[in-house]
Amino acid sequence: MKKSLFPSAMSAVMGLLLFCPSLALAGARSGLLLWFHTVLPTLLPFMLCSSAIVAFGAVPAITRPLAPLFSRLSLSENGSYALMAGILCGYPMGPKTAADFLAEKEISTEEARYLLAVSAWPSPMFLAGYLAALLPASLSFSRVLFCVYAPIFLTAALARAVYHVPKQTCKKQNQRQAVKTSVSASPGSFDEILMDCLEIMAKIGGYLMIFSILSSFVTAFSPKECFLRPYLLGLIEMTTGIQEMASSCHPDLLIGAGMTGSAVFGGLSGIFQVSAVIKKNAGLSIRHYVLWKLLHLLLSTVLFILLSLSD
């Protein structure tokens, strides 16, 4: 999917750079400012801490208090931590953590595929700090929050069946993993963690810039009255789409459903960000990830509409 979409996206960006340089510059500036002012300070500290926790063997201390819940989801101790990272830190921390564990052979390929389906989420910080401020006053933020996270149980059940994930519990690290962790915690290991995280953040910034340019193209060349424009922008880059939905004159129910769906899907920008952190792992498929996100989008949006209509 990436091989077919990325050339198309780059061709569109090249066309903008050649024929509408001022518009492309504004879009690039918007994307990079979003990355610098919001994504970088929010995500990089979490990414560094999460990578250090894994490298220095602190995963059991984090996951053990919630072991009964994660056992119901058929997750190992390391898999539980990947899910926690995905929920608390937002895109693309869950898939990145799962890919890191798979690369170190600390989780199975089946569990890594399962985690790719259930560990990519918008962070509560993003929802409370950005989406909630733009949500129409007539809509309940708690309802949006519920509709974003509630589908995890149905999605997890389906993913377990598809990938044949065996029932397991949050087991303690075995002795081999403990020795491996103590060896990896060398003085130079944090420098490697830092460089790895900075490389990923640079990739995320690049994708944000590219898709912000495409969003500026859609905004400039589609009439403001176009009914689908806010939702198309949400499919390209979620923050731009959510902002456009908030300023539209659409019914509040439709705006809330669109914001919820855009947040859980993550946009094409989010898909490419996830692809950047998992591409080294041959057992993980970005196509499967997109299909699971589309299912999540459908479940969250339908749930929001049904709950709103039941009032």
Protein backbone atom coordinates (compact mmCIF):
# COMPACT_ATOMS: atom_id res chain seq x y z
CA MET A 1 0.00 0.00 0.00
CA LYS A 2 2.79 2.37 0.91
CA LYS A 3 4.54 1.70 -2.40
CA SER A 4 1.41 2.71 -4.34
CA LEU A 5 0.29 5.68 -2.24
CA PHE A 6 3.62 7.32 -1.51
CA PRO A 7 4.59 8.05 -5.17
CA SER A 8 1.13 9.56 -5.72
CA ALA A 9 1.48 11.75 -2.64
CA MET A 10 4.97 12.87 -3.65
CA SER A 11 3.80 13.63 -7.20
CA ALA A 12 1.03 15.83 -5.81
CA VAL A 13 3.50 17.61 -3.53
CA MET A 14 5.91 18.15 -6.44
CA GLY A 15 3.09 19.65 -8.50
CA LEU A 16 2.26 22.03 -5.68
CA LEU A 17 5.89 23.05 -5.29
CA LEU A 18 6.15 23.83 -9.02
CA PHE A 19 2.82 25.53 -9.67
CA CYS A 20 1.73 26.84 -6.25
CA PRO A 21 4.95 27.44 -4.30
CA SER A 22 3.41 29.89 -1.84
CA LEU A 23 0.61 27.46 -1.00
CA ALA A 24 3.06 24.59 -0.65
CA LEU A 25 5.27 26.72 1.60
CA ALA A 26 2.33 27.58 3.83
CA GLY A 27 1.35 23.91 4.09
CA ALA A 28 4.92 22.83 4.84
CA ARG A 29 5.26 25.53 7.48
CA SER A 30 1.98 24.48 9.08
CA GLY A 31 3.04 20.83 9.24
CA LEU A 32 6.48 21.56 10.63
CA LEU A 33 5.12 23.99 13.23
CA LEU A 34 2.60 21.35 14.32
CA TRP A 35 5.47 18.86 14.63
CA PHE A 36 7.76 21.27 16.48
CA HIS A 37 5.24 22.83 18.88
CA THR A 38 2.98 19.84 19.57
CA VAL A 39 4.21 16.45 18.37
CA LEU A 40 7.91 16.72 19.27
CA PRO A 41 7.53 17.93 22.89
CA THR A 42 4.61 15.59 23.50
CA LEU A 43 5.85 12.39 21.90
CA LEU A 44 9.66 12.48 22.20
CA PRO A 45 9.81 12.36 26.04
CA PHE A 46 7.35 9.46 26.08
CA MET A 47 9.31 7.69 23.35
CA LEU A 48 12.61 8.11 25.19
CA CYS A 49 11.15 6.95 28.51
CA SER A 50 9.39 3.99 26.94
CA SER A 51 12.50 2.85 25.07
CA ALA A 52 14.61 3.23 28.23
CA ILE A 53 12.08 1.25 30.29
CA VAL A 54 12.31 -1.60 27.78
CA ALA A 55 16.11 -1.45 27.49
CA PHE A 56 16.74 -1.38 31.24
CA GLY A 57 14.27 -4.12 32.14
CA ALA A 58 11.61 -2.10 33.98
CA VAL A 59 8.63 -3.51 32.05
CA PRO A 60 7.47 -5.88 34.85
CA ALA A 61 7.19 -3.05 37.36
CA ILE A 62 4.90 -1.17 34.97
CA THR A 63 2.64 -4.00 33.84
CA ARG A 64 2.29 -6.17 36.94
CA PRO A 65 -0.39 -4.05 38.70
CA LEU A 66 -2.67 -4.42 35.66
CA ALA A 67 -1.82 -8.06 34.94
CA PRO A 68 -5.38 -9.39 35.48
CA LEU A 69 -6.80 -7.02 32.85
CA PHE A 70 -4.09 -7.73 30.29
CA SER A 71 -4.41 -11.46 30.85
CA ARG A 72 -8.02 -11.19 29.69
CA LEU A 73 -6.68 -9.71 26.46
CA SER A 74 -4.30 -12.69 26.03
CA LEU A 75 -1.20 -10.51 26.22
CA SER A 76 2.22 -11.38 27.57
CA GLU A 77 4.03 -9.02 29.93
CA ASN A 78 5.87 -7.32 27.07
CA GLY A 79 2.74 -7.23 24.93
CA SER A 80 0.86 -5.59 27.79
CA TYR A 81 3.46 -2.85 27.94
CA ALA A 82 3.18 -2.23 24.17
CA LEU A 83 -0.59 -1.79 24.55
CA MET A 84 -0.11 0.59 27.49
CA ALA A 85 2.40 2.64 25.49
CA GLY A 86 -0.02 2.84 22.57
CA ILE A 87 -2.94 4.05 24.68
CA LEU A 88 -1.05 6.50 26.90
CA CYS A 89 1.45 7.91 24.40
CA GLY A 90 -0.62 7.84 21.20
CA TYR A 91 0.44 7.22 17.59
CA PRO A 92 2.78 5.51 16.74
CA MET A 93 4.15 4.35 20.11
CA GLY A 94 2.15 1.11 20.39
CA PRO A 95 3.23 -0.32 17.01
CA LYS A 96 6.80 0.94 17.57
CA THR A 97 7.05 -0.81 20.94
CA ALA A 98 5.58 -4.03 19.52
CA ALA A 99 8.01 -3.89 16.57
CA ASP A 100 10.94 -3.38 18.96
CA PHE A 101 9.91 -6.41 21.03
CA LEU A 102 9.49 -8.49 17.87
CA ALA A 103 12.93 -7.47 16.60
CA GLU A 104 14.43 -8.64 19.91
CA LYS A 105 12.33 -11.86 19.73
CA GLU A 106 10.70 -11.04 23.06
CA ILE A 107 7.20 -11.54 21.67
CA SER A 108 5.96 -13.91 18.98
CA THR A 109 5.07 -12.83 15.45
CA GLU A 110 1.42 -13.70 16.16
CA GLU A 111 1.34 -11.45 19.23
CA ALA A 112 3.08 -8.64 17.34
CA ARG A 113 0.44 -8.80 14.59
CA TYR A 114 -2.26 -8.84 17.24
CA LEU A 115 -0.71 -5.78 18.89
CA LEU A 116 -0.52 -3.95 15.57
CA ALA A 117 -4.30 -4.33 15.38
CA VAL A 118 -5.05 -3.07 18.90
CA SER A 119 -2.19 -0.85 20.11
CA ALA A 120 -2.50 2.25 17.87
CA TRP A 121 -4.61 4.93 19.58
CA PRO A 122 -4.88 8.70 19.93
CA SER A 123 -3.48 9.62 23.33
CA PRO A 124 -5.79 10.90 26.11
CA MET A 125 -3.57 14.01 26.21
CA PHE A 126 -4.34 14.77 22.56
CA LEU A 127 -8.05 14.12 23.00
CA ALA A 128 -8.34 16.24 26.16
CA GLY A 129 -6.02 19.03 25.04
CA TYR A 130 -6.92 19.37 21.35
CA LEU A 131 -10.14 17.61 20.39
CA ALA A 132 -12.08 18.56 23.53
CA ALA A 133 -11.37 22.27 22.95
CA LEU A 134 -12.90 22.08 19.46
CA LEU A 135 -15.85 19.82 20.29
CA PRO A 136 -19.28 21.52 19.99
CA ALA A 137 -20.65 22.54 23.39
CA SER A 138 -23.73 20.36 22.96
CA LEU A 139 -21.62 17.18 22.79
CA SER A 140 -20.11 15.30 25.72
CA PHE A 141 -16.35 14.79 25.68
CA SER A 142 -16.73 11.76 27.95
CA ARG A 143 -18.89 10.14 25.26
CA VAL A 144 -16.19 10.75 22.64
CA LEU A 145 -13.61 9.28 25.01
CA PHE A 146 -15.75 6.19 25.57
CA CYS A 147 -16.41 5.68 21.86
CA VAL A 148 -12.70 5.99 21.04
CA TYR A 149 -11.51 3.34 23.50
CA ALA A 150 -14.49 0.99 23.98
CA PRO A 151 -14.04 -0.90 20.67
CA ILE A 152 -10.72 -2.31 21.88
CA PHE A 153 -12.46 -5.37 23.35
CA LEU A 154 -14.32 -6.35 20.17
CA THR A 155 -11.29 -5.55 18.00
CA ALA A 156 -9.05 -7.59 20.31
CA ALA A 157 -11.40 -10.59 20.17
CA LEU A 158 -11.47 -10.50 16.37
CA ALA A 159 -7.70 -10.02 16.08
CA ARG A 160 -7.03 -12.94 18.45
CA ALA A 161 -9.16 -15.17 16.26
CA VAL A 162 -7.59 -13.96 13.00
CA TYR A 163 -3.99 -14.34 14.18
CA HIS A 164 -4.58 -17.43 16.34
CA VAL A 165 -3.11 -15.84 19.46
CA PRO A 166 -3.03 -18.42 22.27
CA LYS A 167 -4.44 -17.70 25.69
CA GLN A 168 -1.61 -16.48 27.91
CA THR A 169 -0.99 -14.50 31.04
CA CYS A 170 1.32 -11.64 31.92
CA LYS A 171 4.33 -13.79 32.72
CA LYS A 172 7.44 -12.55 34.46
CA GLN A 173 10.54 -12.16 32.33
CA ASN A 174 12.52 -15.34 32.18
CA GLN A 175 16.13 -15.51 33.27
CA ARG A 176 17.48 -15.27 29.72
CA GLN A 177 15.64 -11.99 29.13
CA ALA A 178 16.85 -10.59 32.45
CA VAL A 179 20.48 -11.38 31.57
CA LYS A 180 19.97 -9.89 28.12
CA THR A 181 18.52 -6.72 29.60
CA SER A 182 21.39 -6.27 32.04
CA VAL A 183 23.88 -6.67 29.17
CA SER A 184 22.01 -4.19 26.96
CA ALA A 185 21.98 -1.59 29.75
CA SER A 186 25.50 -0.48 28.91
CA PRO A 187 26.68 3.14 29.20
CA GLY A 188 26.33 3.67 25.46
CA SER A 189 22.83 2.20 25.17
CA PHE A 190 20.97 5.39 26.02
CA ASP A 191 22.83 7.22 23.23
CA GLU A 192 21.55 4.57 20.84
CA ILE A 193 18.02 4.96 22.22
CA LEU A 194 18.22 8.74 21.78
CA MET A 195 19.46 8.51 18.20
CA ASP A 196 16.82 5.91 17.31
CA CYS A 197 14.03 8.09 18.77
CA LEU A 198 15.32 11.22 17.02
CA GLU A 199 15.42 9.37 13.70
CA ILE A 200 11.80 8.28 14.13
CA MET A 201 10.73 11.80 15.15
CA ALA A 202 12.40 13.19 12.01
CA LYS A 203 10.43 10.71 9.88
CA ILE A 204 7.20 11.69 11.63
CA GLY A 205 7.97 15.36 10.98
CA GLY A 206 8.59 14.64 7.30
CA TYR A 207 5.28 12.83 6.90
CA LEU A 208 3.42 15.59 8.74
CA MET A 209 4.94 18.14 6.38
CA ILE A 210 4.03 16.16 3.24
CA PHE A 211 0.44 15.55 4.26
CA SER A 212 0.00 19.11 5.52
CA ILE A 213 0.96 20.29 2.02
CA LEU A 214 -1.66 17.94 0.56
CA SER A 215 -4.21 19.23 3.10
CA SER A 216 -3.46 22.80 2.04
CA PHE A 217 -4.08 21.74 -1.57
CA VAL A 218 -7.48 20.28 -0.67
CA THR A 219 -8.37 23.37 1.38
CA ALA A 220 -7.40 25.82 -1.35
CA PHE A 221 -8.98 24.05 -4.33
CA SER A 222 -12.23 22.76 -2.85
CA PRO A 223 -15.10 25.15 -2.13
CA LYS A 224 -15.68 25.87 1.55
CA GLU A 225 -19.30 24.83 1.03
CA CYS A 226 -18.19 21.34 -0.05
CA PHE A 227 -19.88 18.99 2.40
CA LEU A 228 -17.14 16.35 2.34
CA ARG A 229 -14.15 18.68 2.66
CA PRO A 230 -13.69 18.48 6.47
CA TYR A 231 -13.94 14.69 6.45
CA LEU A 232 -11.55 14.33 3.51
CA LEU A 233 -9.06 16.49 5.38
CA GLY A 234 -9.55 14.26 8.43
CA LEU A 235 -8.64 11.22 6.34
CA ILE A 236 -5.45 12.95 5.18
CA GLU A 237 -4.27 14.52 8.46
CA MET A 238 -6.41 14.26 11.58
CA THR A 239 -5.54 17.54 13.34
CA THR A 240 -6.31 19.60 10.23
CA GLY A 241 -9.53 17.67 9.66
CA ILE A 242 -10.72 18.05 13.25
CA GLN A 243 -10.09 21.79 13.11
CA GLU A 244 -11.98 22.07 9.82
CA MET A 245 -14.92 20.08 11.21
CA ALA A 246 -15.10 22.39 14.22
CA SER A 247 -15.43 25.45 11.99
CA SER A 248 -18.03 23.90 9.67
CA CYS A 249 -21.77 24.53 9.82
CA HIS A 250 -22.67 20.84 9.91
CA PRO A 251 -24.97 19.35 12.56
CA ASP A 252 -23.23 18.75 15.89
CA LEU A 253 -23.93 15.02 15.70
CA LEU A 254 -22.10 14.78 12.38
CA ILE A 255 -19.21 16.90 13.63
CA GLY A 256 -18.81 14.73 16.73
CA ALA A 257 -18.94 11.52 14.71
CA GLY A 258 -16.41 12.92 12.24
CA MET A 259 -14.02 14.03 14.99
CA THR A 260 -14.27 10.65 16.70
CA GLY A 261 -13.67 8.76 13.46
CA SER A 262 -10.78 10.98 12.44
CA ALA A 263 -9.09 10.58 15.83
CA VAL A 264 -9.28 6.79 15.82
CA PHE A 265 -8.21 6.41 12.18
CA GLY A 266 -5.23 8.75 12.48
CA GLY A 267 -5.28 9.83 8.84
CA LEU A 268 -2.93 8.87 6.02
CA SER A 269 -0.23 10.78 7.87
CA GLY A 270 -0.64 8.46 10.87
CA ILE A 271 -0.56 5.37 8.64
CA PHE A 272 2.76 6.42 7.13
CA GLN A 273 4.12 7.21 10.59
CA VAL A 274 3.26 3.69 11.74
CA SER A 275 4.77 2.27 8.56
CA ALA A 276 8.02 4.10 9.35
CA VAL A 277 8.39 2.36 12.72
CA ILE A 278 7.47 -1.19 11.66
CA LYS A 279 9.03 -1.57 8.19
CA LYS A 280 12.13 -3.33 9.51
CA ASN A 281 9.98 -6.18 10.77
CA ALA A 282 9.00 -8.55 7.97
CA GLY A 283 6.22 -10.16 10.01
CA LEU A 284 4.13 -6.98 10.27
CA SER A 285 1.88 -5.74 7.45
CA ILE A 286 0.79 -2.12 7.04
CA ARG A 287 -2.13 -3.36 4.92
CA HIS A 288 -3.44 -5.33 7.87
CA TYR A 289 -2.98 -2.27 10.07
CA VAL A 290 -5.09 -0.13 7.72
CA LEU A 291 -7.88 -2.72 7.67
CA TRP A 292 -7.98 -2.83 11.48
CA LYS A 293 -8.03 0.97 11.66
CA LEU A 294 -10.95 1.07 9.22
CA LEU A 295 -12.81 -1.39 11.44
CA HIS A 296 -12.00 0.74 14.49
CA LEU A 297 -13.22 3.83 12.60
CA LEU A 298 -16.51 2.10 11.77
CA LEU A 299 -17.10 0.80 15.31
CA SER A 300 -16.30 4.09 17.06
CA THR A 301 -18.34 6.22 14.66
CA VAL A 302 -21.41 3.96 14.75
CA LEU A 303 -21.21 3.72 18.54
CA PHE A 304 -21.05 7.52 18.87
CA ILE A 305 -24.06 8.00 16.59
CA LEU A 306 -26.14 5.34 18.36
CA LEU A 307 -25.40 6.75 21.82
CA SER A 308 -26.15 10.29 20.66
CA LEU A 309 -29.45 9.29 19.06
CA SER A 310 -30.50 7.42 22.19
CA ASP A 311 -30.52 10.63 24.27
